[in-house]
Amino acid sequence: MALIELYSDKILEIAGNAPQPGRLAAPHASSRKVSRVCGSMIEVDIVVTDGVISAYGHDVSACALGQTSAAIVAREIVGTPVEAFLAVSQTMRDMLKADGEAPDGKWSDLKYLEAVREYPARHASTLLVFDAVSDAIHKTVLIQQDKAPL
């Protein structure tokens, strides 16, 4: 597959119609990730309520692949239990790096990124949103542990 074929009409459609949630005013945690390979950047904010991601915001500057994965996350993340998001994140890593299956259910549009598997240099930008949200989730756990009564 030629690199140009990676940017399918569906990838360009999702990226072109990406929700722009903006940043949250009072997040529980935030994370900023930058791809060393291409310079794509994302900053995410999350609020976690009773183990469920109840609010999400982001600012993204990325290629079409990074924008596509960020768009799907922005569309689907609110209402997702933390553990379920971490599982989807791992499924994406497995899909790209270990010939795993694409995510299913409400995350099934991530299958359009399956062709990225053949381009390791594009993995980082595609996974950037997952890295940032996973980091923010881990920060919320640490913050909650610090606030727990002794």
Protein backbone atom coordinates (compact mmCIF):
# COMPACT_ATOMS: atom_id res chain seq x y z
CA MET A 1 0.00 0.00 0.00
CA ALA A 2 1.32 3.41 -0.95
CA LEU A 3 1.38 6.02 1.81
CA ILE A 4 -1.18 8.16 -0.01
CA GLU A 5 -3.65 5.23 0.16
CA LEU A 6 -3.44 5.37 3.96
CA TYR A 7 -5.43 8.60 3.89
CA SER A 8 -8.71 7.05 2.76
CA ASP A 9 -11.84 9.06 2.10
CA LYS A 10 -13.24 7.82 5.43
CA ILE A 11 -10.14 8.97 7.36
CA LEU A 12 -10.34 12.38 5.69
CA GLU A 13 -14.10 12.58 6.35
CA ILE A 14 -13.73 11.82 10.06
CA ALA A 15 -10.78 14.20 10.43
CA GLY A 16 -12.56 16.91 8.45
CA ASN A 17 -15.68 16.70 10.58
CA ALA A 18 -13.90 16.34 13.90
CA PRO A 19 -15.63 17.71 16.98
CA GLN A 20 -13.70 20.55 18.58
CA PRO A 21 -14.62 20.24 22.25
CA GLY A 22 -12.06 22.81 23.43
CA ARG A 23 -10.43 22.64 26.84
CA LEU A 24 -12.30 22.12 30.11
CA ALA A 25 -12.42 24.96 32.64
CA ALA A 26 -12.06 22.69 35.69
CA PRO A 27 -10.63 19.28 34.73
CA HIS A 28 -9.71 16.64 37.25
CA ALA A 29 -6.55 16.01 35.21
CA SER A 30 -4.86 17.11 32.00
CA SER A 31 -2.09 15.74 29.83
CA ARG A 32 -0.07 17.04 26.91
CA LYS A 33 1.62 14.66 24.49
CA VAL A 34 3.78 15.42 21.47
CA SER A 35 4.95 12.99 18.82
CA ARG A 36 8.71 13.19 18.42
CA VAL A 37 8.40 11.75 14.93
CA CYS A 38 6.04 14.28 13.34
CA GLY A 39 5.42 17.02 15.89
CA SER A 40 1.71 16.26 16.30
CA MET A 41 0.44 17.56 19.64
CA ILE A 42 -2.61 17.04 21.81
CA GLU A 43 -3.65 18.40 25.17
CA VAL A 44 -6.54 16.63 26.86
CA ASP A 45 -8.65 17.37 29.93
CA ILE A 46 -10.88 14.88 31.69
CA VAL A 47 -13.31 14.72 34.56
CA VAL A 48 -13.86 11.31 36.13
CA THR A 49 -16.97 10.71 38.24
CA ASP A 50 -17.44 7.36 39.97
CA GLY A 51 -14.99 5.66 37.61
CA VAL A 52 -16.63 7.04 34.45
CA ILE A 53 -15.24 9.75 32.18
CA SER A 54 -17.93 12.39 32.58
CA ALA A 55 -16.34 15.31 30.71
CA TYR A 56 -13.64 15.60 28.06
CA GLY A 57 -11.90 18.41 26.25
CA HIS A 58 -8.93 18.66 23.95
CA ASP A 59 -6.81 20.90 21.81
CA VAL A 60 -5.20 19.03 18.94
CA SER A 61 -2.70 19.92 16.25
CA ALA A 62 -2.00 16.76 14.29
CA CYS A 63 -1.98 15.08 10.92
CA ALA A 64 -5.15 13.51 9.54
CA LEU A 65 -4.41 10.23 11.36
CA GLY A 66 -4.01 11.92 14.73
CA GLN A 67 -7.05 14.07 14.07
CA THR A 68 -9.10 11.00 13.16
CA SER A 69 -8.28 9.08 16.32
CA ALA A 70 -8.81 12.25 18.42
CA ALA A 71 -12.15 12.87 16.71
CA ILE A 72 -13.41 9.37 17.44
CA VAL A 73 -12.27 9.63 21.06
CA ALA A 74 -13.92 13.05 21.47
CA ARG A 75 -17.17 11.67 20.05
CA GLU A 76 -17.26 8.49 22.17
CA ILE A 77 -15.36 9.03 25.43
CA VAL A 78 -17.94 10.75 27.65
CA GLY A 79 -19.82 8.08 29.54
CA THR A 80 -17.05 5.52 29.12
CA PRO A 81 -15.80 3.77 32.25
CA VAL A 82 -12.11 4.38 32.86
CA GLU A 83 -11.27 0.67 32.63
CA ALA A 84 -13.15 0.38 29.33
CA PHE A 85 -11.19 3.30 27.87
CA LEU A 86 -7.89 1.77 28.98
CA ALA A 87 -8.96 -1.49 27.30
CA VAL A 88 -9.76 0.35 24.04
CA SER A 89 -6.39 2.06 24.26
CA GLN A 90 -4.66 -1.31 24.60
CA THR A 91 -6.72 -2.73 21.73
CA MET A 92 -5.50 0.14 19.53
CA ARG A 93 -1.87 -0.56 20.46
CA ASP A 94 -2.39 -4.25 19.76
CA MET A 95 -4.10 -3.48 16.45
CA LEU A 96 -1.18 -1.36 15.25
CA LYS A 97 1.78 -3.11 16.81
CA ALA A 98 0.78 -6.76 17.21
CA ASP A 99 -1.67 -7.49 14.35
CA GLY A 100 -4.57 -7.41 16.81
CA GLU A 101 -8.21 -6.89 16.01
CA ALA A 102 -9.75 -3.44 15.66
CA PRO A 103 -11.91 -2.11 18.50
CA ASP A 104 -15.61 -2.83 18.20
CA GLY A 105 -18.89 -1.48 19.51
CA LYS A 106 -19.08 2.29 19.77
CA TRP A 107 -15.33 2.41 19.02
CA SER A 108 -15.64 0.52 15.71
CA ASP A 109 -14.75 3.55 13.55
CA LEU A 110 -11.19 3.09 14.82
CA LYS A 111 -11.00 0.21 12.32
CA TYR A 112 -10.42 2.79 9.60
CA LEU A 113 -6.98 3.33 11.15
CA GLU A 114 -6.02 -0.33 10.81
CA ALA A 115 -3.94 0.35 7.69
CA VAL A 116 -1.60 2.48 9.85
CA ARG A 117 -0.19 -0.86 11.08
CA GLU A 118 2.00 -0.97 7.95
CA TYR A 119 3.55 2.44 8.74
CA PRO A 120 5.31 2.33 12.14
CA ALA A 121 6.35 5.97 11.75
CA ARG A 122 2.62 6.88 11.87
CA HIS A 123 1.81 4.88 15.01
CA ALA A 124 2.81 7.67 17.40
CA SER A 125 0.45 10.28 15.96
CA THR A 126 -2.40 7.77 15.71
CA LEU A 127 -1.96 6.73 19.36
CA LEU A 128 -1.29 10.22 20.72
CA VAL A 129 -4.83 10.79 22.05
CA PHE A 130 -4.78 7.39 23.74
CA ASP A 131 -1.45 8.15 25.38
CA ALA A 132 -2.69 11.54 26.61
CA VAL A 133 -6.03 10.28 27.96
CA SER A 134 -4.38 7.27 29.62
CA ASP A 135 -1.87 9.60 31.29
CA ALA A 136 -4.67 11.89 32.47
CA ILE A 137 -6.57 8.88 33.85
CA HIS A 138 -3.52 7.80 35.81
CA LYS A 139 -3.17 11.34 37.16
CA THR A 140 -6.76 11.26 38.41
CA VAL A 141 -6.02 8.04 40.27
CA LEU A 142 -2.98 9.65 41.92
CA ILE A 143 -4.96 12.77 42.79
CA GLN A 144 -7.76 10.69 44.31
CA GLN A 145 -5.24 8.69 46.34
CA ASP A 146 -3.74 11.93 47.69
CA LYS A 147 -7.22 13.13 48.75
CA ALA A 148 -8.17 9.84 50.43
CA PRO A 149 -8.48 10.06 54.22
CA LEU A 150 -5.65 8.44 56.14
